[in-house]
């Protein structure tokens, strides 16, 4: 058993915070000493870890308590979800760092990283390409349930994949490394937008390199010539 002072030092959480968690029923100590001091068992520390992970993801305390007191609460499932959310947060922060570094090297202010129009253009181009296809309907269903912030985050994650392609420019687009990135892009599209078959993927590749805003956005973010290299890698993969 650990005292509140020991838990505070171990977890980097103030004693006042632990006392407050006890007060609101979020984290009760397993026991109290004869003198009335809080004593925490290993199970209490595991619960505290879960709470702190939720806090890192900016969950309100009332929501954390509601989640953890639910009869359907599964600690392992919650951990898997937290890992996924933390990875998304990591991707978002990495993109912001890259943007900040870019701004630091430029004399003029650039707000392109905050441009929300790219996915709107994507929707219009997708509709033009596939009309009332199952792919487009799936895209609409998934998109309408997302907040603007979620849509922006997905766009940023997609652009990070293009940046990985950029690192391979000048190499064989049919190489194993390029093939792995094509599969990564295809899986990303299938998971977040629609079932990305080889046929749909091939059309996407042509769209990326066809000029206009798609080519401009990809090349502006990942470097000139990236959109064409992505198309070449996709065509090499799809045959």
Protein backbone atom coordinates (compact mmCIF):
# COMPACT_ATOMS: atom_id res chain seq x y z
CA UNK A 1 0.00 0.00 0.00
CA UNK A 2 1.16 3.53 -0.75
CA UNK A 3 0.35 6.79 0.99
CA UNK A 4 -1.10 9.77 -0.82
CA UNK A 5 2.32 11.47 -0.63
CA UNK A 6 4.02 8.48 -2.25
CA UNK A 7 1.41 8.23 -5.02
CA UNK A 8 1.68 11.97 -5.63
CA UNK A 9 5.45 11.71 -6.06
CA UNK A 10 5.25 8.56 -8.20
CA UNK A 11 2.54 9.79 -10.59
CA UNK A 12 3.45 13.46 -10.68
CA UNK A 13 -0.03 14.39 -9.48
CA UNK A 14 -0.58 16.85 -6.67
CA UNK A 15 -1.94 15.67 -3.34
CA UNK A 16 -4.79 18.14 -3.73
CA UNK A 17 -5.73 16.51 -7.06
CA UNK A 18 -5.77 13.04 -5.50
CA UNK A 19 -7.92 14.35 -2.66
CA UNK A 20 -10.29 15.88 -5.19
CA UNK A 21 -10.52 12.62 -7.16
CA UNK A 22 -11.49 10.90 -3.91
CA UNK A 23 -14.05 13.58 -3.11
CA UNK A 24 -15.87 13.30 -6.46
CA UNK A 25 -15.77 9.50 -6.45
CA UNK A 26 -13.34 9.15 -9.34
CA UNK A 27 -10.54 7.46 -7.40
CA UNK A 28 -11.11 6.20 -3.87
CA UNK A 29 -8.16 4.75 -1.96
CA UNK A 30 -8.57 1.10 -1.02
CA UNK A 31 -8.02 1.77 2.65
CA UNK A 32 -7.50 4.45 5.25
CA UNK A 33 -4.96 4.15 8.03
CA UNK A 34 -5.99 4.29 11.68
CA UNK A 35 -4.98 7.93 11.59
CA UNK A 36 -7.28 8.56 8.61
CA UNK A 37 -4.60 8.75 5.90
CA UNK A 38 -5.39 7.50 2.40
CA UNK A 39 -3.71 4.23 1.36
CA UNK A 40 -3.59 3.14 -2.28
CA UNK A 41 -3.30 -0.44 -3.59
CA UNK A 42 -1.92 -1.54 -6.98
CA UNK A 43 -5.45 -1.62 -8.42
CA UNK A 44 -5.88 2.02 -7.42
CA UNK A 45 -2.68 2.92 -9.24
CA UNK A 46 -3.91 1.11 -12.38
CA UNK A 47 -7.13 3.12 -12.21
CA UNK A 48 -5.10 6.31 -11.78
CA UNK A 49 -3.12 5.45 -14.92
CA UNK A 50 -6.37 5.15 -16.86
CA UNK A 51 -7.60 8.47 -15.50
CA UNK A 52 -4.37 10.24 -16.42
CA UNK A 53 -4.47 8.83 -19.96
CA UNK A 54 -8.00 10.15 -20.37
CA UNK A 55 -6.85 13.51 -19.02
CA UNK A 56 -4.00 13.62 -21.54
CA UNK A 57 -6.69 13.25 -24.19
CA UNK A 58 -8.55 16.17 -22.57
CA UNK A 59 -11.57 14.21 -21.37
CA UNK A 60 -13.57 16.09 -18.69
CA UNK A 61 -13.50 14.47 -15.27
CA UNK A 62 -17.26 13.90 -15.28
CA UNK A 63 -16.97 11.99 -18.57
CA UNK A 64 -14.05 9.91 -17.28
CA UNK A 65 -16.06 8.91 -14.25
CA UNK A 66 -19.07 8.04 -16.40
CA UNK A 67 -16.93 5.91 -18.74
CA UNK A 68 -15.09 4.06 -16.00
CA UNK A 69 -18.22 3.36 -13.97
CA UNK A 70 -20.10 1.96 -16.94
CA UNK A 71 -20.90 -1.77 -16.58
CA UNK A 72 -19.59 -2.21 -20.13
CA UNK A 73 -16.22 -0.63 -19.33
CA UNK A 74 -13.36 -2.80 -20.60
CA UNK A 75 -9.92 -1.68 -19.46
CA UNK A 76 -8.03 -3.37 -22.29
CA UNK A 77 -10.42 -2.03 -24.93
CA UNK A 78 -10.12 1.44 -23.40
CA UNK A 79 -6.34 1.20 -23.56
CA UNK A 80 -6.46 0.26 -27.25
CA UNK A 81 -8.70 3.26 -27.93
CA UNK A 82 -6.45 5.55 -25.90
CA UNK A 83 -3.40 4.36 -27.85
CA UNK A 84 -5.17 5.10 -31.13
CA UNK A 85 -6.19 8.57 -29.96
CA UNK A 86 -2.71 9.32 -28.67
CA UNK A 87 -1.22 8.29 -32.02
CA UNK A 88 -3.64 10.67 -33.75
CA UNK A 89 -2.61 13.41 -31.36
CA UNK A 90 1.05 12.60 -32.06
CA UNK A 91 0.48 12.83 -35.82
CA UNK A 92 -1.29 16.15 -35.33
CA UNK A 93 1.55 17.56 -33.22
CA UNK A 94 4.17 16.36 -35.71
CA UNK A 95 2.31 18.13 -38.48
CA UNK A 96 2.12 21.34 -36.44
CA UNK A 97 5.86 21.11 -35.70
CA UNK A 98 6.58 20.68 -39.41
CA UNK A 99 4.36 23.66 -40.17
CA UNK A 100 6.03 25.80 -37.48
CA UNK A 101 9.48 24.92 -38.83
CA UNK A 102 8.33 25.86 -42.32
CA UNK A 103 6.97 29.19 -41.09
CA UNK A 104 10.22 29.91 -39.25
CA UNK A 105 12.10 29.70 -42.56
CA UNK A 106 9.72 31.94 -44.48
CA UNK A 107 9.47 35.70 -44.54
CA UNK A 108 5.81 35.80 -45.48
CA UNK A 109 2.92 34.46 -43.45
CA UNK A 110 1.49 31.20 -44.77
CA UNK A 111 -1.90 29.94 -43.63
CA UNK A 112 -2.12 26.98 -46.01
CA UNK A 113 -1.88 24.44 -43.17
CA UNK A 114 -5.17 25.76 -41.82
CA UNK A 115 -6.97 25.56 -45.16
CA UNK A 116 -10.13 23.48 -44.73
CA UNK A 117 -11.09 23.56 -48.41
CA UNK A 118 -9.06 20.54 -49.56
CA UNK A 119 -11.53 17.91 -48.37
CA UNK A 120 -14.40 19.90 -49.86
CA UNK A 121 -12.58 19.79 -53.19
CA UNK A 122 -11.93 16.08 -52.65
CA UNK A 123 -15.66 15.48 -52.13
CA UNK A 124 -16.53 17.36 -55.31
CA UNK A 125 -13.92 15.48 -57.35
CA UNK A 126 -15.01 12.15 -55.85
CA UNK A 127 -18.63 12.85 -56.73
CA UNK A 128 -17.66 13.81 -60.28
CA UNK A 129 -15.60 10.64 -60.65
CA UNK A 130 -17.95 8.13 -59.05
CA UNK A 131 -21.35 9.84 -58.97
CA UNK A 132 -23.79 7.75 -56.96
CA UNK A 133 -21.41 4.82 -56.57
CA UNK A 134 -21.19 2.75 -53.36
CA UNK A 135 -17.76 4.32 -52.74
CA UNK A 136 -19.12 7.84 -52.87
CA UNK A 137 -22.10 6.99 -50.67
CA UNK A 138 -19.75 5.40 -48.12
CA UNK A 139 -17.56 8.51 -48.26
CA UNK A 140 -20.59 10.73 -47.58
CA UNK A 141 -21.77 8.61 -44.67
CA UNK A 142 -18.38 8.61 -42.96
CA UNK A 143 -17.72 12.29 -43.62
CA UNK A 144 -20.98 13.73 -42.35
CA UNK A 145 -20.47 12.21 -38.90
CA UNK A 146 -17.11 13.95 -38.41
CA UNK A 147 -16.40 17.31 -36.85
CA UNK A 148 -14.34 19.87 -38.79
CA UNK A 149 -11.43 19.12 -36.46
CA UNK A 150 -11.65 15.39 -37.20
CA UNK A 151 -11.77 16.04 -40.94
CA UNK A 152 -8.73 18.32 -40.65
CA UNK A 153 -6.82 15.69 -38.70
CA UNK A 154 -7.54 13.03 -41.32
CA UNK A 155 -6.36 15.37 -44.04
CA UNK A 156 -3.15 16.02 -42.13
CA UNK A 157 -2.54 12.29 -41.65
CA UNK A 158 -3.07 11.70 -45.36
CA UNK A 159 -0.63 14.46 -46.21
CA UNK A 160 1.94 12.84 -43.92
CA UNK A 161 1.74 9.72 -46.09
CA UNK A 162 2.48 11.87 -49.14
CA UNK A 163 5.49 13.24 -47.29
CA UNK A 164 6.72 9.65 -46.89
CA UNK A 165 6.33 9.21 -50.66
CA UNK A 166 8.38 12.38 -51.15
CA UNK A 167 11.32 10.78 -49.38
CA UNK A 168 11.39 8.13 -52.15
CA UNK A 169 11.33 10.52 -55.12
CA UNK A 170 14.07 9.67 -57.57
CA UNK A 171 13.88 5.97 -56.74
CA UNK A 172 12.07 3.17 -58.57
CA UNK A 173 8.28 3.68 -58.09
CA UNK A 174 7.87 -0.10 -58.27
CA UNK A 175 10.28 -0.73 -55.39
CA UNK A 176 9.20 -2.58 -52.26
CA UNK A 177 9.36 0.66 -50.25
CA UNK A 178 7.08 2.44 -52.71
CA UNK A 179 4.75 -0.57 -52.83
CA UNK A 180 4.49 -0.55 -49.02
CA UNK A 181 3.47 3.12 -49.05
CA UNK A 182 0.86 2.50 -51.74
CA UNK A 183 -0.64 -0.24 -49.57
CA UNK A 184 -0.53 2.11 -46.58
CA UNK A 185 -2.38 4.79 -48.56
CA UNK A 186 -4.93 2.27 -49.85
CA UNK A 187 -5.60 0.97 -46.33
CA UNK A 188 -5.92 4.53 -45.02
CA UNK A 189 -8.53 5.34 -47.65
CA UNK A 190 -10.45 2.14 -46.96
CA UNK A 191 -10.45 2.72 -43.20
CA UNK A 192 -11.50 6.36 -43.24
CA UNK A 193 -13.31 7.09 -46.51
CA UNK A 194 -14.49 4.15 -48.64
CA UNK A 195 -13.47 0.70 -49.86
CA UNK A 196 -10.43 1.57 -51.95
CA UNK A 197 -10.16 -1.21 -54.51
CA UNK A 198 -7.21 -1.36 -56.91
CA UNK A 199 -9.45 0.18 -59.58
CA UNK A 200 -10.45 3.10 -57.37
CA UNK A 201 -6.85 3.50 -56.21
CA UNK A 202 -5.67 3.68 -59.82
CA UNK A 203 -8.18 6.45 -60.53
CA UNK A 204 -7.03 8.29 -57.42
CA UNK A 205 -3.45 8.18 -58.62
CA UNK A 206 -4.46 9.76 -61.93
CA UNK A 207 -6.43 12.39 -60.04
CA UNK A 208 -3.46 13.24 -57.83
CA UNK A 209 -1.22 13.93 -60.83
CA UNK A 210 -3.80 15.47 -63.18
CA UNK A 211 -2.91 19.04 -62.25
CA UNK A 212 -5.12 21.55 -60.48
CA UNK A 213 -5.60 21.83 -56.75
CA UNK A 214 -4.88 18.19 -55.91
CA UNK A 215 -1.44 18.26 -57.51
CA UNK A 216 -0.79 21.74 -56.15
CA UNK A 217 -1.70 20.81 -52.56
CA UNK A 218 0.30 17.58 -52.51
CA UNK A 219 3.39 19.18 -54.04
CA UNK A 220 3.12 22.26 -51.81
CA UNK A 221 3.07 20.08 -48.71
CA UNK A 222 5.48 17.29 -49.68
CA UNK A 223 7.63 18.84 -52.42
CA UNK A 224 7.40 19.36 -56.16
CA UNK A 225 6.96 16.17 -58.15
CA UNK A 226 5.48 14.18 -55.25
CA UNK A 227 2.01 13.89 -56.79
CA UNK A 228 3.43 12.44 -60.01
CA UNK A 229 5.63 9.99 -58.09
CA UNK A 230 2.62 8.83 -56.06
CA UNK A 231 0.71 8.25 -59.30
CA UNK A 232 3.63 6.29 -60.75
CA UNK A 233 3.92 4.14 -57.62
CA UNK A 234 0.17 3.46 -57.66
CA UNK A 235 0.21 2.49 -61.34
CA UNK A 236 3.19 0.19 -60.75
CA UNK A 237 1.29 -1.47 -57.91
CA UNK A 238 -2.07 -1.75 -59.70
CA UNK A 239 -0.54 -2.80 -63.01
